[in-house]
Amino acid sequence: MLVTLYKTDRTDHLRYYAIDDRQVHLFSSHTFSVTWGSSLSMGNEKHYTFDTRDEMDRQLRRLIRARIREGYRVLYSYFRPEEYADLRPTLRRAAVS
């Protein structure tokens, strides 16, 4: 899974927010990473780890919906065919094209 969101702030600087599940965790198979920043900063990174897939899915949905409410648009998204079918319409509505 990979979702890249972006928006421009009041000063026309680009802000980005990217979520991926490429990095594995040593003690849990339910994990994803978030990277965010702006065109002026190096960016930040946070790793989320969960005991269950349901917990991970809920947090992922929360983060994506919160960013879209904040005005972020979807630049790119990729999910495996069996993942997050319910999120795809939300992402399509917020997509750039």
N, C-alpha and C. Protein backbone atom coordinates (compact mmCIF):
# COMPACT_ATOMS: atom_id res chain seq x y z
N MET A 1 0.84 -1.16 0.00
CA MET A 1 0.00 0.00 0.00
C MET A 1 0.89 1.23 0.00
N LEU A 2 0.47 2.20 -0.79
CA LEU A 2 1.17 3.49 -0.82
C LEU A 2 0.14 4.56 -1.16
N VAL A 3 0.07 5.58 -0.32
CA VAL A 3 -0.81 6.72 -0.56
C VAL A 3 0.03 7.98 -0.38
N THR A 4 0.01 8.84 -1.39
CA THR A 4 0.72 10.11 -1.32
C THR A 4 -0.29 11.23 -1.48
N LEU A 5 -0.34 12.09 -0.47
CA LEU A 5 -1.26 13.23 -0.45
C LEU A 5 -0.45 14.52 -0.46
N TYR A 6 -1.03 15.59 -0.97
CA TYR A 6 -0.33 16.87 -0.97
C TYR A 6 -1.34 18.01 -0.90
N LYS A 7 -0.84 19.17 -0.53
CA LYS A 7 -1.61 20.42 -0.60
C LYS A 7 -0.62 21.56 -0.59
N THR A 8 -1.11 22.73 -0.97
CA THR A 8 -0.28 23.93 -0.85
C THR A 8 -0.83 24.74 0.32
N ASP A 9 0.07 25.33 1.07
CA ASP A 9 -0.37 26.12 2.23
C ASP A 9 -0.63 27.57 1.81
N ARG A 10 -0.92 28.42 2.78
CA ARG A 10 -1.25 29.82 2.49
C ARG A 10 -0.13 30.58 1.79
N THR A 11 1.10 30.12 1.98
CA THR A 11 2.24 30.78 1.34
C THR A 11 2.67 30.08 0.06
N ASP A 12 1.81 29.22 -0.46
CA ASP A 12 2.04 28.47 -1.71
C ASP A 12 3.22 27.49 -1.64
N HIS A 13 3.54 27.03 -0.44
CA HIS A 13 4.55 25.98 -0.31
C HIS A 13 3.86 24.63 -0.30
N LEU A 14 4.48 23.68 -0.93
CA LEU A 14 3.92 22.34 -1.03
C LEU A 14 4.10 21.58 0.27
N ARG A 15 3.04 20.92 0.72
CA ARG A 15 3.09 20.05 1.89
C ARG A 15 2.71 18.66 1.43
N TYR A 16 3.37 17.64 1.95
CA TYR A 16 3.08 16.27 1.54
C TYR A 16 2.85 15.38 2.75
N TYR A 17 2.17 14.28 2.50
CA TYR A 17 1.86 13.29 3.53
C TYR A 17 1.81 11.95 2.82
N ALA A 18 2.70 11.04 3.15
CA ALA A 18 2.77 9.74 2.47
C ALA A 18 2.67 8.60 3.49
N ILE A 19 1.88 7.60 3.13
CA ILE A 19 1.66 6.43 3.98
C ILE A 19 2.04 5.20 3.19
N ASP A 20 2.84 4.31 3.79
CA ASP A 20 3.19 3.07 3.10
C ASP A 20 3.37 1.93 4.09
N ASP A 21 3.27 0.73 3.59
CA ASP A 21 3.48 -0.46 4.43
C ASP A 21 4.67 -1.28 3.95
N ARG A 22 5.65 -0.62 3.35
CA ARG A 22 6.81 -1.32 2.80
C ARG A 22 7.80 -1.75 3.87
N GLN A 23 7.89 -1.01 4.95
CA GLN A 23 8.86 -1.32 5.99
C GLN A 23 8.24 -2.28 7.00
N VAL A 24 8.87 -3.41 7.21
CA VAL A 24 8.34 -4.40 8.15
C VAL A 24 8.84 -4.10 9.55
N HIS A 25 8.14 -4.62 10.54
CA HIS A 25 8.50 -4.43 11.92
C HIS A 25 8.98 -5.77 12.48
N LEU A 26 9.95 -5.75 13.33
CA LEU A 26 10.53 -6.98 13.86
C LEU A 26 9.54 -7.79 14.68
N PHE A 27 8.64 -7.13 15.41
CA PHE A 27 7.76 -7.84 16.34
C PHE A 27 6.29 -7.84 15.94
N SER A 28 5.94 -7.25 14.81
CA SER A 28 4.54 -7.20 14.41
C SER A 28 4.42 -7.19 12.88
N SER A 29 3.44 -7.88 12.38
CA SER A 29 3.21 -7.85 10.93
C SER A 29 2.18 -6.78 10.56
N HIS A 30 1.67 -6.04 11.54
CA HIS A 30 0.68 -5.00 11.31
C HIS A 30 1.32 -3.64 11.56
N THR A 31 1.87 -3.07 10.52
CA THR A 31 2.60 -1.82 10.67
C THR A 31 2.54 -0.99 9.39
N PHE A 32 2.61 0.32 9.53
CA PHE A 32 2.80 1.20 8.38
C PHE A 32 3.59 2.43 8.82
N SER A 33 4.14 3.12 7.84
CA SER A 33 4.95 4.31 8.09
C SER A 33 4.29 5.52 7.47
N VAL A 34 4.46 6.66 8.12
CA VAL A 34 3.95 7.93 7.61
C VAL A 34 5.12 8.90 7.52
N THR A 35 5.23 9.57 6.39
CA THR A 35 6.24 10.59 6.18
C THR A 35 5.52 11.87 5.80
N TRP A 36 5.89 12.99 6.40
CA TRP A 36 5.24 14.25 6.07
C TRP A 36 6.24 15.38 6.18
N GLY A 37 5.93 16.46 5.50
CA GLY A 37 6.80 17.63 5.53
C GLY A 37 6.35 18.65 4.51
N SER A 38 7.27 19.53 4.15
CA SER A 38 6.96 20.57 3.17
C SER A 38 8.15 20.75 2.25
N SER A 39 7.95 21.59 1.25
CA SER A 39 9.03 21.85 0.31
C SER A 39 10.17 22.62 0.98
N LEU A 40 9.94 23.12 2.19
CA LEU A 40 10.96 23.88 2.91
C LEU A 40 11.66 23.08 4.01
N SER A 41 11.15 21.89 4.33
CA SER A 41 11.73 21.14 5.45
C SER A 41 12.14 19.75 5.02
N MET A 42 12.95 19.12 5.85
CA MET A 42 13.44 17.78 5.57
C MET A 42 12.33 16.74 5.71
N GLY A 43 11.36 16.98 6.52
CA GLY A 43 10.28 16.04 6.71
C GLY A 43 10.41 15.24 7.99
N ASN A 44 9.34 14.57 8.32
CA ASN A 44 9.27 13.76 9.53
C ASN A 44 8.79 12.36 9.16
N GLU A 45 9.05 11.42 10.05
CA GLU A 45 8.61 10.05 9.80
C GLU A 45 8.13 9.44 11.11
N LYS A 46 7.04 8.69 11.02
CA LYS A 46 6.51 7.99 12.18
C LYS A 46 6.08 6.60 11.76
N HIS A 47 6.37 5.63 12.62
CA HIS A 47 5.99 4.24 12.35
C HIS A 47 4.88 3.85 13.32
N TYR A 48 3.83 3.29 12.78
CA TYR A 48 2.69 2.83 13.57
C TYR A 48 2.72 1.30 13.59
N THR A 49 2.59 0.72 14.77
CA THR A 49 2.59 -0.73 14.93
C THR A 49 1.36 -1.12 15.74
N PHE A 50 0.70 -2.21 15.32
CA PHE A 50 -0.56 -2.63 15.92
C PHE A 50 -0.55 -4.11 16.23
N ASP A 51 -1.36 -4.49 17.19
CA ASP A 51 -1.50 -5.90 17.55
C ASP A 51 -2.38 -6.66 16.56
N THR A 52 -3.36 -5.97 15.97
CA THR A 52 -4.27 -6.65 15.05
C THR A 52 -4.40 -5.87 13.75
N ARG A 53 -4.83 -6.55 12.73
CA ARG A 53 -5.07 -5.92 11.42
C ARG A 53 -6.22 -4.91 11.52
N ASP A 54 -7.24 -5.23 12.31
CA ASP A 54 -8.38 -4.31 12.47
C ASP A 54 -7.94 -2.98 13.05
N GLU A 55 -7.09 -3.01 14.07
CA GLU A 55 -6.58 -1.76 14.66
C GLU A 55 -5.82 -0.94 13.62
N MET A 56 -4.99 -1.62 12.86
CA MET A 56 -4.21 -0.95 11.83
C MET A 56 -5.12 -0.33 10.78
N ASP A 57 -6.11 -1.08 10.33
CA ASP A 57 -7.04 -0.57 9.32
C ASP A 57 -7.81 0.65 9.81
N ARG A 58 -8.27 0.62 11.04
CA ARG A 58 -8.99 1.77 11.60
C ARG A 58 -8.11 3.02 11.64
N GLN A 59 -6.87 2.87 12.07
CA GLN A 59 -5.96 4.02 12.14
C GLN A 59 -5.64 4.55 10.75
N LEU A 60 -5.43 3.67 9.82
CA LEU A 60 -5.15 4.09 8.44
C LEU A 60 -6.32 4.91 7.89
N ARG A 61 -7.52 4.43 8.06
CA ARG A 61 -8.71 5.15 7.59
C ARG A 61 -8.83 6.51 8.29
N ARG A 62 -8.57 6.54 9.59
CA ARG A 62 -8.63 7.79 10.35
C ARG A 62 -7.65 8.83 9.79
N LEU A 63 -6.41 8.39 9.57
CA LEU A 63 -5.39 9.31 9.07
C LEU A 63 -5.74 9.86 7.69
N ILE A 64 -6.15 8.99 6.79
CA ILE A 64 -6.47 9.43 5.43
C ILE A 64 -7.66 10.39 5.44
N ARG A 65 -8.71 10.04 6.14
CA ARG A 65 -9.88 10.91 6.16
C ARG A 65 -9.57 12.26 6.81
N ALA A 66 -8.75 12.26 7.85
CA ALA A 66 -8.37 13.52 8.50
C ALA A 66 -7.58 14.41 7.55
N ARG A 67 -6.65 13.86 6.82
CA ARG A 67 -5.86 14.66 5.89
C ARG A 67 -6.74 15.22 4.76
N ILE A 68 -7.66 14.42 4.27
CA ILE A 68 -8.55 14.90 3.21
C ILE A 68 -9.42 16.04 3.73
N ARG A 69 -9.91 15.92 4.96
CA ARG A 69 -10.69 17.01 5.56
C ARG A 69 -9.85 18.28 5.71
N GLU A 70 -8.54 18.12 5.90
CA GLU A 70 -7.63 19.27 6.03
C GLU A 70 -7.28 19.89 4.68
N GLY A 71 -7.79 19.31 3.60
CA GLY A 71 -7.55 19.90 2.29
C GLY A 71 -6.50 19.20 1.44
N TYR A 72 -5.97 18.10 1.91
CA TYR A 72 -5.00 17.36 1.10
C TYR A 72 -5.71 16.71 -0.08
N ARG A 73 -5.00 16.60 -1.19
CA ARG A 73 -5.48 15.92 -2.38
C ARG A 73 -4.63 14.68 -2.60
N VAL A 74 -5.17 13.70 -3.28
CA VAL A 74 -4.46 12.45 -3.54
C VAL A 74 -3.62 12.61 -4.80
N LEU A 75 -2.32 12.48 -4.65
CA LEU A 75 -1.42 12.52 -5.79
C LEU A 75 -1.29 11.12 -6.38
N TYR A 76 -1.17 10.11 -5.51
CA TYR A 76 -0.98 8.73 -5.97
C TYR A 76 -1.48 7.79 -4.89
N SER A 77 -2.09 6.69 -5.30
CA SER A 77 -2.44 5.64 -4.34
C SER A 77 -2.34 4.28 -5.01
N TYR A 78 -1.87 3.32 -4.26
CA TYR A 78 -1.80 1.95 -4.73
C TYR A 78 -2.14 1.03 -3.56
N PHE A 79 -3.05 0.09 -3.81
CA PHE A 79 -3.39 -0.94 -2.84
C PHE A 79 -3.37 -2.28 -3.56
N ARG A 80 -3.05 -3.33 -2.84
CA ARG A 80 -3.20 -4.66 -3.40
C ARG A 80 -4.68 -4.86 -3.72
N PRO A 81 -5.01 -5.69 -4.70
CA PRO A 81 -6.41 -5.83 -5.13
C PRO A 81 -7.39 -6.14 -4.00
N GLU A 82 -6.98 -6.87 -3.00
CA GLU A 82 -7.90 -7.28 -1.93
C GLU A 82 -7.95 -6.29 -0.75
N GLU A 83 -7.24 -5.19 -0.84
CA GLU A 83 -7.14 -4.26 0.29
C GLU A 83 -8.02 -3.01 0.12
N TYR A 84 -8.67 -2.59 1.19
CA TYR A 84 -9.28 -1.27 1.36
C TYR A 84 -10.22 -0.85 0.23
N ALA A 85 -11.07 -1.73 -0.21
CA ALA A 85 -12.03 -1.38 -1.26
C ALA A 85 -12.93 -0.22 -0.83
N ASP A 86 -13.24 -0.11 0.46
CA ASP A 86 -14.10 0.96 0.95
C ASP A 86 -13.43 2.33 0.93
N LEU A 87 -12.09 2.38 0.95
CA LEU A 87 -11.38 3.66 0.92
C LEU A 87 -11.22 4.22 -0.49
N ARG A 88 -11.29 3.38 -1.47
CA ARG A 88 -11.00 3.81 -2.85
C ARG A 88 -11.92 4.92 -3.34
N PRO A 89 -13.25 4.87 -3.08
CA PRO A 89 -14.09 6.00 -3.53
C PRO A 89 -13.70 7.32 -2.87
N THR A 90 -13.35 7.29 -1.59
CA THR A 90 -12.92 8.50 -0.89
C THR A 90 -11.66 9.05 -1.53
N LEU A 91 -10.72 8.19 -1.86
CA LEU A 91 -9.48 8.63 -2.49
C LEU A 91 -9.72 9.15 -3.90
N ARG A 92 -10.61 8.51 -4.63
CA ARG A 92 -10.92 8.97 -6.00
C ARG A 92 -11.53 10.38 -5.97
N ARG A 93 -12.41 10.64 -5.02
CA ARG A 93 -13.03 11.98 -4.93
C ARG A 93 -11.99 13.06 -4.62
N ALA A 94 -10.95 12.70 -3.90
CA ALA A 94 -9.91 13.68 -3.53
C ALA A 94 -8.72 13.63 -4.47
N ALA A 95 -8.82 12.87 -5.55
CA ALA A 95 -7.68 12.72 -6.47
C ALA A 95 -7.49 13.97 -7.31
N VAL A 96 -6.26 14.15 -7.74
CA VAL A 96 -5.90 15.29 -8.58
C VAL A 96 -6.56 15.17 -9.93
N SER A 97 -6.51 14.01 -10.53
CA SER A 97 -7.13 13.84 -11.86
C SER A 97 -7.86 12.52 -11.95
